Amino acid sequence: MNALTCPQCGSENVYEDGGLWICPECAHEWNPREARAEAVEQGVKDANGNALSDGDTVTVIKDLKVKGSSLVVKGGTKVKSIRLVEATDGHNISCKIDGIGAMNLKSEFVKKA
């Protein structure tokens, strides 16, 4: 299973073909490396305005409900080794959180640790 979603329509039903990812629902094709580079160029910033980059450790600044479940990511949770991704509905950080798993976060709800 991959943690990518289509940047055009948000579908999770994407697959890799060579170096590109393809969405079968809207036929959008993209290179996730270029999307990450674009996100870095745009200057993804945390809640305090600090620039974020791949591999950073961040801290969640408020309790966040996990969509589709009763789980909550508590404020103060440290998230290691983030990846910047092309923003899908504002979610521009891809990460794994202990006890919850892979998910995407909005940079406005984290601060650089």
PDB file of N, CA and C in Angstrom:
ATOM      1  N   MET A   1       0.847  -1.188   0.000  1.00  0.00           N
ATOM      2  CA  MET A   1       0.000   0.000   0.000  1.00  0.00           C
ATOM      3  C   MET A   1       0.883   1.237   0.000  1.00  0.00           C
ATOM      4  N   ASN A   2       0.505   2.241  -0.760  1.00  0.00           N
ATOM      5  CA  ASN A   2       1.297   3.461  -0.787  1.00  0.00           C
ATOM      6  C   ASN A   2       0.564   4.561  -0.041  1.00  0.00           C
ATOM      7  N   ALA A   3       1.308   5.570   0.379  1.00  0.00           N
ATOM      8  CA  ALA A   3       0.738   6.676   1.144  1.00  0.00           C
ATOM      9  C   ALA A   3       0.408   7.857   0.246  1.00  0.00           C
ATOM     10  N   LEU A   4       0.485   7.668  -1.069  1.00  0.00           N
ATOM     11  CA  LEU A   4       0.231   8.757  -1.997  1.00  0.00           C
ATOM     12  C   LEU A   4      -1.241   8.853  -2.353  1.00  0.00           C
ATOM     13  N   THR A   5      -1.663  10.061  -2.608  1.00  0.00           N
ATOM     14  CA  THR A   5      -2.987  10.299  -3.159  1.00  0.00           C
ATOM     15  C   THR A   5      -2.819  11.179  -4.387  1.00  0.00           C
ATOM     16  N   CYS A   6      -3.764  11.115  -5.268  1.00  0.00           N
ATOM     17  CA  CYS A   6      -3.715  11.916  -6.491  1.00  0.00           C
ATOM     18  C   CYS A   6      -3.790  13.397  -6.133  1.00  0.00           C
ATOM     19  N   PRO A   7      -2.829  14.200  -6.603  1.00  0.00           N
ATOM     20  CA  PRO A   7      -2.863  15.627  -6.294  1.00  0.00           C
ATOM     21  C   PRO A   7      -3.986  16.372  -7.017  1.00  0.00           C
ATOM     22  N   GLN A   8      -4.560  15.753  -8.034  1.00  0.00           N
ATOM     23  CA  GLN A   8      -5.614  16.416  -8.802  1.00  0.00           C
ATOM     24  C   GLN A   8      -6.998  16.133  -8.226  1.00  0.00           C
ATOM     25  N   CYS A   9      -7.298  14.852  -7.937  1.00  0.00           N
ATOM     26  CA  CYS A   9      -8.647  14.517  -7.477  1.00  0.00           C
ATOM     27  C   CYS A   9      -8.681  13.965  -6.051  1.00  0.00           C
ATOM     28  N   GLY A  10      -7.507  13.657  -5.474  1.00  0.00           N
ATOM     29  CA  GLY A  10      -7.449  13.169  -4.099  1.00  0.00           C
ATOM     30  C   GLY A  10      -7.686  11.676  -3.947  1.00  0.00           C
ATOM     31  N   SER A  11      -7.821  10.954  -5.033  1.00  0.00           N
ATOM     32  CA  SER A  11      -8.075   9.518  -4.979  1.00  0.00           C
ATOM     33  C   SER A  11      -6.875   8.777  -4.376  1.00  0.00           C
ATOM     34  N   GLU A  12      -7.155   7.759  -3.584  1.00  0.00           N
ATOM     35  CA  GLU A  12      -6.098   6.920  -3.016  1.00  0.00           C
ATOM     36  C   GLU A  12      -5.778   5.733  -3.918  1.00  0.00           C
ATOM     37  N   ASN A  13      -6.551   5.549  -4.988  1.00  0.00           N
ATOM     38  CA  ASN A  13      -6.354   4.429  -5.914  1.00  0.00           C
ATOM     39  C   ASN A  13      -5.337   4.807  -6.979  1.00  0.00           C
ATOM     40  N   VAL A  14      -4.084   4.995  -6.576  1.00  0.00           N
ATOM     41  CA  VAL A  14      -3.029   5.365  -7.516  1.00  0.00           C
ATOM     42  C   VAL A  14      -2.040   4.214  -7.617  1.00  0.00           C
ATOM     43  N   TYR A  15      -1.331   4.163  -8.737  1.00  0.00           N
ATOM     44  CA  TYR A  15      -0.334   3.120  -8.914  1.00  0.00           C
ATOM     45  C   TYR A  15       0.882   3.685  -9.629  1.00  0.00           C
ATOM     46  N   GLU A  16       2.015   2.994  -9.444  1.00  0.00           N
ATOM     47  CA  GLU A  16       3.263   3.436 -10.041  1.00  0.00           C
ATOM     48  C   GLU A  16       3.472   2.737 -11.373  1.00  0.00           C
ATOM     49  N   ASP A  17       3.910   3.489 -12.367  1.00  0.00           N
ATOM     50  CA  ASP A  17       4.234   2.956 -13.684  1.00  0.00           C
ATOM     51  C   ASP A  17       5.543   3.596 -14.114  1.00  0.00           C
ATOM     52  N   GLY A  18       6.615   2.844 -13.993  1.00  0.00           N
ATOM     53  CA  GLY A  18       7.936   3.406 -14.261  1.00  0.00           C
ATOM     54  C   GLY A  18       8.281   4.391 -13.161  1.00  0.00           C
ATOM     55  N   GLY A  19       8.596   5.613 -13.514  1.00  0.00           N
ATOM     56  CA  GLY A  19       8.911   6.631 -12.518  1.00  0.00           C
ATOM     57  C   GLY A  19       7.744   7.536 -12.197  1.00  0.00           C
ATOM     58  N   LEU A  20       6.601   7.300 -12.830  1.00  0.00           N
ATOM     59  CA  LEU A  20       5.432   8.150 -12.622  1.00  0.00           C
ATOM     60  C   LEU A  20       4.358   7.435 -11.813  1.00  0.00           C
ATOM     61  N   TRP A  21       3.533   8.214 -11.124  1.00  0.00           N
ATOM     62  CA  TRP A  21       2.347   7.696 -10.459  1.00  0.00           C
ATOM     63  C   TRP A  21       1.148   8.080 -11.315  1.00  0.00           C
ATOM     64  N   ILE A  22       0.178   7.186 -11.403  1.00  0.00           N
ATOM     65  CA  ILE A  22      -0.984   7.394 -12.262  1.00  0.00           C
ATOM     66  C   ILE A  22      -2.258   7.175 -11.448  1.00  0.00           C
ATOM     67  N   CYS A  23      -3.215   8.051 -11.691  1.00  0.00           N
ATOM     68  CA  CYS A  23      -4.531   7.932 -11.060  1.00  0.00           C
ATOM     69  C   CYS A  23      -5.494   7.354 -12.088  1.00  0.00           C
ATOM     70  N   PRO A  24      -6.073   6.175 -11.836  1.00  0.00           N
ATOM     71  CA  PRO A  24      -6.990   5.586 -12.798  1.00  0.00           C
ATOM     72  C   PRO A  24      -8.350   6.304 -12.857  1.00  0.00           C
ATOM     73  N   GLU A  25      -8.644   7.120 -11.859  1.00  0.00           N
ATOM     74  CA  GLU A  25      -9.942   7.790 -11.835  1.00  0.00           C
ATOM     75  C   GLU A  25      -9.976   9.050 -12.701  1.00  0.00           C
ATOM     76  N   CYS A  26      -8.869   9.840 -12.684  1.00  0.00           N
ATOM     77  CA  CYS A  26      -8.872  11.075 -13.478  1.00  0.00           C
ATOM     78  C   CYS A  26      -7.766  11.095 -14.534  1.00  0.00           C
ATOM     79  N   ALA A  27      -6.968  10.021 -14.612  1.00  0.00           N
ATOM     80  CA  ALA A  27      -5.886   9.855 -15.591  1.00  0.00           C
ATOM     81  C   ALA A  27      -4.739  10.849 -15.404  1.00  0.00           C
ATOM     82  N   HIS A  28      -4.633  11.448 -14.218  1.00  0.00           N
ATOM     83  CA  HIS A  28      -3.533  12.381 -13.942  1.00  0.00           C
ATOM     84  C   HIS A  28      -2.249  11.579 -13.713  1.00  0.00           C
ATOM     85  N   GLU A  29      -1.131  12.057 -14.282  1.00  0.00           N
ATOM     86  CA  GLU A  29       0.182  11.438 -14.089  1.00  0.00           C
ATOM     87  C   GLU A  29       1.105  12.462 -13.458  1.00  0.00           C
ATOM     88  N   TRP A  30       1.933  12.020 -12.489  1.00  0.00           N
ATOM     89  CA  TRP A  30       2.872  12.934 -11.848  1.00  0.00           C
ATOM     90  C   TRP A  30       4.069  12.180 -11.300  1.00  0.00           C
ATOM     91  N   ASN A  31       5.128  12.942 -11.074  1.00  0.00           N
ATOM     92  CA  ASN A  31       6.358  12.413 -10.491  1.00  0.00           C
ATOM     93  C   ASN A  31       6.422  12.918  -9.054  1.00  0.00           C
ATOM     94  N   PRO A  32       6.363  12.033  -8.056  1.00  0.00           N
ATOM     95  CA  PRO A  32       6.343  12.487  -6.663  1.00  0.00           C
ATOM     96  C   PRO A  32       7.618  13.224  -6.254  1.00  0.00           C
ATOM     97  N   ARG A  33       8.744  12.922  -6.888  1.00  0.00           N
ATOM     98  CA  ARG A  33       9.985  13.645  -6.563  1.00  0.00           C
ATOM     99  C   ARG A  33       9.874  15.103  -6.977  1.00  0.00           C
ATOM    100  N   GLU A  34       9.300  15.345  -8.154  1.00  0.00           N
ATOM    101  CA  GLU A  34       9.110  16.717  -8.607  1.00  0.00           C
ATOM    102  C   GLU A  34       8.108  17.440  -7.719  1.00  0.00           C
ATOM    103  N   ALA A  35       7.088  16.724  -7.259  1.00  0.00           N
ATOM    104  CA  ALA A  35       6.084  17.330  -6.380  1.00  0.00           C
ATOM    105  C   ALA A  35       6.725  17.742  -5.061  1.00  0.00           C
ATOM    106  N   ARG A  36       7.605  16.899  -4.518  1.00  0.00           N
ATOM    107  CA  ARG A  36       8.308  17.244  -3.276  1.00  0.00           C
ATOM    108  C   ARG A  36       9.216  18.444  -3.501  1.00  0.00           C
ATOM    109  N   ALA A  37       9.937  18.457  -4.622  1.00  0.00           N
ATOM    110  CA  ALA A  37      10.833  19.577  -4.914  1.00  0.00           C
ATOM    111  C   ALA A  37      10.024  20.868  -5.046  1.00  0.00           C
ATOM    112  N   GLU A  38       8.860  20.784  -5.670  1.00  0.00           N
ATOM    113  CA  GLU A  38       7.991  21.950  -5.807  1.00  0.00           C
ATOM    114  C   GLU A  38       7.512  22.435  -4.446  1.00  0.00           C
ATOM    115  N   ALA A  39       7.174  21.498  -3.563  1.00  0.00           N
ATOM    116  CA  ALA A  39       6.730  21.872  -2.218  1.00  0.00           C
ATOM    117  C   ALA A  39       7.845  22.576  -1.458  1.00  0.00           C
ATOM    118  N   VAL A  40       9.075  22.100  -1.625  1.00  0.00           N
ATOM    119  CA  VAL A  40      10.212  22.730  -0.960  1.00  0.00           C
ATOM    120  C   VAL A  40      10.438  24.126  -1.528  1.00  0.00           C
ATOM    121  N   GLU A  41      10.334  24.254  -2.862  1.00  0.00           N
ATOM    122  CA  GLU A  41      10.511  25.563  -3.493  1.00  0.00           C
ATOM    123  C   GLU A  41       9.453  26.550  -3.017  1.00  0.00           C
ATOM    124  N   GLN A  42       8.244  26.079  -2.811  1.00  0.00           N
ATOM    125  CA  GLN A  42       7.175  26.954  -2.336  1.00  0.00           C
ATOM    126  C   GLN A  42       7.409  27.351  -0.887  1.00  0.00           C
ATOM    127  N   GLY A  43       8.265  26.637  -0.194  1.00  0.00           N
ATOM    128  CA  GLY A  43       8.589  26.986   1.181  1.00  0.00           C
ATOM    129  C   GLY A  43       7.529  26.570   2.170  1.00  0.00           C
ATOM    130  N   VAL A  44       7.368  25.270   2.382  1.00  0.00           N
ATOM    131  CA  VAL A  44       6.424  24.782   3.373  1.00  0.00           C
ATOM    132  C   VAL A  44       6.907  25.231   4.744  1.00  0.00           C
ATOM    133  N   LYS A  45       6.018  25.882   5.474  1.00  0.00           N
ATOM    134  CA  LYS A  45       6.383  26.441   6.775  1.00  0.00           C
ATOM    135  C   LYS A  45       5.484  25.870   7.861  1.00  0.00           C
ATOM    136  N   ASP A  46       6.038  25.777   9.079  1.00  0.00           N
ATOM    137  CA  ASP A  46       5.261  25.289  10.211  1.00  0.00           C
ATOM    138  C   ASP A  46       4.394  26.412  10.772  1.00  0.00           C
ATOM    139  N   ALA A  47       3.736  26.164  11.884  1.00  0.00           N
ATOM    140  CA  ALA A  47       2.831  27.145  12.484  1.00  0.00           C
ATOM    141  C   ALA A  47       3.559  28.411  12.923  1.00  0.00           C
ATOM    142  N   ASN A  48       4.854  28.311  13.197  1.00  0.00           N
ATOM    143  CA  ASN A  48       5.640  29.469  13.637  1.00  0.00           C
ATOM    144  C   ASN A  48       6.371  30.158  12.494  1.00  0.00           C
ATOM    145  N   GLY A  49       6.191  29.676  11.266  1.00  0.00           N
ATOM    146  CA  GLY A  49       6.841  30.291  10.123  1.00  0.00           C
ATOM    147  C   GLY A  49       8.217  29.744   9.805  1.00  0.00           C
ATOM    148  N   ASN A  50       8.647  28.676  10.488  1.00  0.00           N
ATOM    149  CA  ASN A  50       9.944  28.052  10.207  1.00  0.00           C
ATOM    150  C   ASN A  50       9.832  27.152   8.985  1.00  0.00           C
ATOM    151  N   ALA A  51      10.833  27.192   8.106  1.00  0.00           N
ATOM    152  CA  ALA A  51      10.832  26.360   6.907  1.00  0.00           C
ATOM    153  C   ALA A  51      11.003  24.890   7.282  1.00  0.00           C
ATOM    154  N   LEU A  52      10.227  24.023   6.648  1.00  0.00           N
ATOM    155  CA  LEU A  52      10.318  22.579   6.868  1.00  0.00           C
ATOM    156  C   LEU A  52      10.974  21.921   5.669  1.00  0.00           C
ATOM    157  N   SER A  53      11.626  20.786   5.903  1.00  0.00           N
ATOM    158  CA  SER A  53      12.216  20.018   4.811  1.00  0.00           C
ATOM    159  C   SER A  53      12.075  18.530   5.107  1.00  0.00           C
ATOM    160  N   ASP A  54      12.299  17.702   4.081  1.00  0.00           N
ATOM    161  CA  ASP A  54      12.210  16.250   4.251  1.00  0.00           C
ATOM    162  C   ASP A  54      13.146  15.799   5.369  1.00  0.00           C
ATOM    163  N   GLY A  55      12.665  14.881   6.215  1.00  0.00           N
ATOM    164  CA  GLY A  55      13.479  14.314   7.275  1.00  0.00           C
ATOM    165  C   GLY A  55      13.404  15.059   8.596  1.00  0.00           C
ATOM    166  N   ASP A  56      12.753  16.214   8.623  1.00  0.00           N
ATOM    167  CA  ASP A  56      12.636  16.972   9.871  1.00  0.00           C
ATOM    168  C   ASP A  56      11.778  16.234  10.884  1.00  0.00           C
ATOM    169  N   THR A  57      11.956  16.601  12.147  1.00  0.00           N
ATOM    170  CA  THR A  57      11.101  16.133  13.223  1.00  0.00           C
ATOM    171  C   THR A  57      10.220  17.299  13.627  1.00  0.00           C
ATOM    172  N   VAL A  58       8.920  17.050  13.749  1.00  0.00           N
ATOM    173  CA  VAL A  58       7.975  18.096  14.117  1.00  0.00           C
ATOM    174  C   VAL A  58       7.149  17.644  15.315  1.00  0.00           C
ATOM    175  N   THR A  59       6.507  18.616  15.972  1.00  0.00           N
ATOM    176  CA  THR A  59       5.621  18.349  17.092  1.00  0.00           C
ATOM    177  C   THR A  59       4.239  18.867  16.738  1.00  0.00           C
ATOM    178  N   VAL A  60       3.222  18.044  16.966  1.00  0.00           N
ATOM    179  CA  VAL A  60       1.839  18.439  16.713  1.00  0.00           C
ATOM    180  C   VAL A  60       1.446  19.452  17.784  1.00  0.00           C
ATOM    181  N   ILE A  61       0.820  20.577  17.395  1.00  0.00           N
ATOM    182  CA  ILE A  61       0.550  21.649  18.349  1.00  0.00           C
ATOM    183  C   ILE A  61      -0.852  21.601  18.968  1.00  0.00           C
ATOM    184  N   LYS A  62      -1.746  20.783  18.416  1.00  0.00           N
ATOM    185  CA  LYS A  62      -3.087  20.668  18.998  1.00  0.00           C
ATOM    186  C   LYS A  62      -3.645  19.280  18.717  1.00  0.00           C
ATOM    187  N   ASP A  63      -4.641  18.872  19.482  1.00  0.00           N
ATOM    188  CA  ASP A  63      -5.273  17.581  19.253  1.00  0.00           C
ATOM    189  C   ASP A  63      -5.921  17.572  17.869  1.00  0.00           C
ATOM    190  N   LEU A  64      -5.656  16.498  17.104  1.00  0.00           N
ATOM    191  CA  LEU A  64      -6.212  16.360  15.761  1.00  0.00           C
ATOM    192  C   LEU A  64      -6.987  15.059  15.659  1.00  0.00           C
ATOM    193  N   LYS A  65      -8.235  15.131  15.252  1.00  0.00           N
ATOM    194  CA  LYS A  65      -9.042  13.929  15.039  1.00  0.00           C
ATOM    195  C   LYS A  65      -8.581  13.272  13.746  1.00  0.00           C
ATOM    196  N   VAL A  66      -8.516  11.934  13.759  1.00  0.00           N
ATOM    197  CA  VAL A  66      -8.145  11.186  12.560  1.00  0.00           C
ATOM    198  C   VAL A  66      -9.428  10.872  11.813  1.00  0.00           C
ATOM    199  N   LYS A  67      -9.518  11.380  10.588  1.00  0.00           N
ATOM    200  CA  LYS A  67     -10.735  11.216   9.788  1.00  0.00           C
ATOM    201  C   LYS A  67     -11.047   9.734   9.570  1.00  0.00           C
ATOM    202  N   GLY A  68     -12.282   9.361   9.809  1.00  0.00           N
ATOM    203  CA  GLY A  68     -12.719   7.997   9.573  1.00  0.00           C
ATOM    204  C   GLY A  68     -12.484   7.046  10.735  1.00  0.00           C
ATOM    205  N   SER A  69     -12.020   7.563  11.875  1.00  0.00           N
ATOM    206  CA  SER A  69     -11.832   6.692  13.042  1.00  0.00           C
ATOM    207  C   SER A  69     -12.053   7.501  14.309  1.00  0.00           C
ATOM    208  N   SER A  70     -11.994   6.823  15.435  1.00  0.00           N
ATOM    209  CA  SER A  70     -12.165   7.507  16.714  1.00  0.00           C
ATOM    210  C   SER A  70     -10.825   7.892  17.335  1.00  0.00           C
ATOM    211  N   LEU A  71      -9.726   7.682  16.593  1.00  0.00           N
ATOM    212  CA  LEU A  71      -8.392   8.016  17.099  1.00  0.00           C
ATOM    213  C   LEU A  71      -8.148   9.519  17.083  1.00  0.00           C
ATOM    214  N   VAL A  72      -7.286   9.965  18.002  1.00  0.00           N
ATOM    215  CA  VAL A  72      -6.905  11.367  18.083  1.00  0.00           C
ATOM    216  C   VAL A  72      -5.389  11.443  18.205  1.00  0.00           C
ATOM    217  N   VAL A  73      -4.774  12.321  17.415  1.00  0.00           N
ATOM    218  CA  VAL A  73      -3.349  12.605  17.560  1.00  0.00           C
ATOM    219  C   VAL A  73      -3.269  13.736  18.581  1.00  0.00           C
ATOM    220  N   LYS A  74      -2.680  13.446  19.733  1.00  0.00           N
ATOM    221  CA  LYS A  74      -2.628  14.408  20.825  1.00  0.00           C
ATOM    222  C   LYS A  74      -1.620  15.506  20.548  1.00  0.00           C
ATOM    223  N   GLY A  75      -1.922  16.710  21.006  1.00  0.00           N
ATOM    224  CA  GLY A  75      -0.980  17.812  20.930  1.00  0.00           C
ATOM    225  C   GLY A  75       0.275  17.435  21.697  1.00  0.00           C
ATOM    226  N   GLY A  76       1.446  17.769  21.162  1.00  0.00           N
ATOM    227  CA  GLY A  76       2.713  17.415  21.795  1.00  0.00           C
ATOM    228  C   GLY A  76       3.325  16.144  21.242  1.00  0.00           C
ATOM    229  N   THR A  77       2.601  15.427  20.365  1.00  0.00           N
ATOM    230  CA  THR A  77       3.123  14.214  19.752  1.00  0.00           C
ATOM    231  C   THR A  77       4.257  14.563  18.804  1.00  0.00           C
ATOM    232  N   LYS A  78       5.421  13.895  18.971  1.00  0.00           N
ATOM    233  CA  LYS A  78       6.547  14.119  18.064  1.00  0.00           C
ATOM    234  C   LYS A  78       6.433  13.191  16.871  1.00  0.00           C
ATOM    235  N   VAL A  79       6.682  13.743  15.701  1.00  0.00           N
ATOM    236  CA  VAL A  79       6.632  12.997  14.454  1.00  0.00           C
ATOM    237  C   VAL A  79       7.994  13.118  13.794  1.00  0.00           C
ATOM    238  N   LYS A  80       8.654  11.976  13.601  1.00  0.00           N
ATOM    239  CA  LYS A  80      10.010  11.970  13.039  1.00  0.00           C
ATOM    240  C   LYS A  80       9.974  11.685  11.546  1.00  0.00           C
ATOM    241  N   SER A  81      10.989  12.150  10.857  1.00  0.00           N
ATOM    242  CA  SER A  81      11.221  11.858   9.432  1.00  0.00           C
ATOM    243  C   SER A  81      10.015  12.166   8.554  1.00  0.00           C
ATOM    244  N   ILE A  82       9.588  13.408   8.563  1.00  0.00           N
ATOM    245  CA  ILE A  82       8.465  13.801   7.708  1.00  0.00           C
ATOM    246  C   ILE A  82       8.903  13.860   6.252  1.00  0.00           C
ATOM    247  N   ARG A  83       7.924  13.771   5.353  1.00  0.00           N
ATOM    248  CA  ARG A  83       8.163  13.952   3.921  1.00  0.00           C
ATOM    249  C   ARG A  83       7.225  15.041   3.442  1.00  0.00           C
ATOM    250  N   LEU A  84       7.757  16.000   2.710  1.00  0.00           N
ATOM    251  CA  LEU A  84       6.913  17.033   2.126  1.00  0.00           C
ATOM    252  C   LEU A  84       6.330  16.494   0.832  1.00  0.00           C
ATOM    253  N   VAL A  85       5.036  16.673   0.663  1.00  0.00           N
ATOM    254  CA  VAL A  85       4.346  16.191  -0.531  1.00  0.00           C
ATOM    255  C   VAL A  85       3.532  17.328  -1.119  1.00  0.00           C
ATOM    256  N   GLU A  86       3.104  17.148  -2.354  1.00  0.00           N
ATOM    257  CA  GLU A  86       2.240  18.145  -2.987  1.00  0.00           C
ATOM    258  C   GLU A  86       0.951  18.215  -2.173  1.00  0.00           C
ATOM    259  N   ALA A  87       0.548  19.410  -1.827  1.00  0.00           N
ATOM    260  CA  ALA A  87      -0.614  19.600  -0.957  1.00  0.00           C
ATOM    261  C   ALA A  87      -1.890  19.055  -1.581  1.00  0.00           C
ATOM    262  N   THR A  88      -2.534  18.155  -0.850  1.00  0.00           N
ATOM    263  CA  THR A  88      -3.835  17.625  -1.220  1.00  0.00           C
ATOM    264  C   THR A  88      -4.794  18.060  -0.123  1.00  0.00           C
ATOM    265  N   ASP A  89      -5.705  18.962  -0.435  1.00  0.00           N
ATOM    266  CA  ASP A  89      -6.615  19.540   0.558  1.00  0.00           C
ATOM    267  C   ASP A  89      -5.840  20.186   1.706  1.00  0.00           C
ATOM    268  N   GLY A  90      -4.669  20.731   1.411  1.00  0.00           N
ATOM    269  CA  GLY A  90      -3.870  21.412   2.419  1.00  0.00           C
ATOM    270  C   GLY A  90      -2.936  20.505   3.196  1.00  0.00           C
ATOM    271  N   HIS A  91      -3.052  19.202   3.020  1.00  0.00           N
ATOM    272  CA  HIS A  91      -2.207  18.249   3.726  1.00  0.00           C
ATOM    273  C   HIS A  91      -0.888  18.107   2.951  1.00  0.00           C
ATOM    274  N   ASN A  92       0.160  18.775   3.423  1.00  0.00           N
ATOM    275  CA  ASN A  92       1.424  18.792   2.690  1.00  0.00           C
ATOM    276  C   ASN A  92       2.558  18.071   3.399  1.00  0.00           C
ATOM    277  N   ILE A  93       2.253  17.314   4.441  1.00  0.00           N
ATOM    278  CA  ILE A  93       3.252  16.505   5.148  1.00  0.00           C
ATOM    279  C   ILE A  93       2.765  15.065   5.194  1.00  0.00           C
ATOM    280  N   SER A  94       3.622  14.139   4.750  1.00  0.00           N
ATOM    281  CA  SER A  94       3.329  12.717   4.833  1.00  0.00           C
ATOM    282  C   SER A  94       4.223  12.152   5.934  1.00  0.00           C
ATOM    283  N   CYS A  95       3.661  11.318   6.811  1.00  0.00           N
ATOM    284  CA  CYS A  95       4.446  10.811   7.943  1.00  0.00           C
ATOM    285  C   CYS A  95       3.814   9.530   8.494  1.00  0.00           C
ATOM    286  N   LYS A  96       4.532   8.940   9.439  1.00  0.00           N
ATOM    287  CA  LYS A  96       4.010   7.806  10.202  1.00  0.00           C
ATOM    288  C   LYS A  96       4.010   8.215  11.662  1.00  0.00           C
ATOM    289  N   ILE A  97       2.884   7.975  12.326  1.00  0.00           N
ATOM    290  CA  ILE A  97       2.756   8.320  13.741  1.00  0.00           C
ATOM    291  C   ILE A  97       2.605   7.029  14.525  1.00  0.00           C
ATOM    292  N   ASP A  98       3.432   6.858  15.554  1.00  0.00           N
ATOM    293  CA  ASP A  98       3.389   5.658  16.383  1.00  0.00           C
ATOM    294  C   ASP A  98       1.990   5.456  16.947  1.00  0.00           C
ATOM    295  N   GLY A  99       1.473   4.241  16.823  1.00  0.00           N
ATOM    296  CA  GLY A  99       0.163   3.894  17.341  1.00  0.00           C
ATOM    297  C   GLY A  99      -0.983   4.225  16.396  1.00  0.00           C
ATOM    298  N   ILE A 100      -0.696   4.976  15.322  1.00  0.00           N
ATOM    299  CA  ILE A 100      -1.749   5.346  14.378  1.00  0.00           C
ATOM    300  C   ILE A 100      -1.408   4.866  12.976  1.00  0.00           C
ATOM    301  N   GLY A 101      -0.180   5.099  12.537  1.00  0.00           N
ATOM    302  CA  GLY A 101       0.249   4.654  11.219  1.00  0.00           C
ATOM    303  C   GLY A 101       0.485   5.811  10.268  1.00  0.00           C
ATOM    304  N   ALA A 102       0.471   5.492   8.978  1.00  0.00           N
ATOM    305  CA  ALA A 102       0.743   6.494   7.939  1.00  0.00           C
ATOM    306  C   ALA A 102      -0.428   7.457   7.816  1.00  0.00           C
ATOM    307  N   MET A 103      -0.098   8.736   7.711  1.00  0.00           N
ATOM    308  CA  MET A 103      -1.130   9.750   7.514  1.00  0.00           C
ATOM    309  C   MET A 103      -0.522  11.022   6.970  1.00  0.00           C
ATOM    310  N   ASN A 104      -1.355  11.928   6.546  1.00  0.00           N
ATOM    311  CA  ASN A 104      -0.927  13.232   6.059  1.00  0.00           C
ATOM    312  C   ASN A 104      -1.379  14.292   7.046  1.00  0.00           C
ATOM    313  N   LEU A 105      -0.539  15.321   7.220  1.00  0.00           N
ATOM    314  CA  LEU A 105      -0.839  16.420   8.127  1.00  0.00           C
ATOM    315  C   LEU A 105      -0.756  17.741   7.396  1.00  0.00           C
ATOM    316  N   LYS A 106      -1.407  18.756   7.942  1.00  0.00           N
ATOM    317  CA  LYS A 106      -1.261  20.109   7.441  1.00  0.00           C
ATOM    318  C   LYS A 106      -0.123  20.771   8.218  1.00  0.00           C
ATOM    319  N   SER A 107       0.740  21.490   7.530  1.00  0.00           N
ATOM    320  CA  SER A 107       1.901  22.100   8.175  1.00  0.00           C
ATOM    321  C   SER A 107       1.488  23.160   9.203  1.00  0.00           C
ATOM    322  N   GLU A 108       0.296  23.710   9.083  1.00  0.00           N
ATOM    323  CA  GLU A 108      -0.141  24.730  10.027  1.00  0.00           C
ATOM    324  C   GLU A 108      -0.425  24.173  11.421  1.00  0.00           C
ATOM    325  N   PHE A 109      -0.479  22.833  11.563  1.00  0.00           N
ATOM    326  CA  PHE A 109      -0.742  22.222  12.861  1.00  0.00           C
ATOM    327  C   PHE A 109       0.484  21.579  13.488  1.00  0.00           C
ATOM    328  N   VAL A 110       1.668  21.890  12.969  1.00  0.00           N
ATOM    329  CA  VAL A 110       2.896  21.351  13.537  1.00  0.00           C
ATOM    330  C   VAL A 110       3.911  22.466  13.734  1.00  0.00           C
ATOM    331  N   LYS A 111       4.882  22.219  14.623  1.00  0.00           N
ATOM    332  CA  LYS A 111       6.006  23.131  14.766  1.00  0.00           C
ATOM    333  C   LYS A 111       7.276  22.306  14.706  1.00  0.00           C
ATOM    334  N   LYS A 112       8.332  22.901  14.172  1.00  0.00           N
ATOM    335  CA  LYS A 112       9.600  22.217  14.013  1.00  0.00           C
ATOM    336  C   LYS A 112      10.177  21.938  15.397  1.00  0.00           C
ATOM    337  N   ALA A 113      10.626  20.700  15.599  1.00  0.00           N
ATOM    338  CA  ALA A 113      11.167  20.310  16.909  1.00  0.00           C
ATOM    339  C   ALA A 113      12.638  20.661  17.022  1.00  0.00           C
TER     340      ALA A 113
END
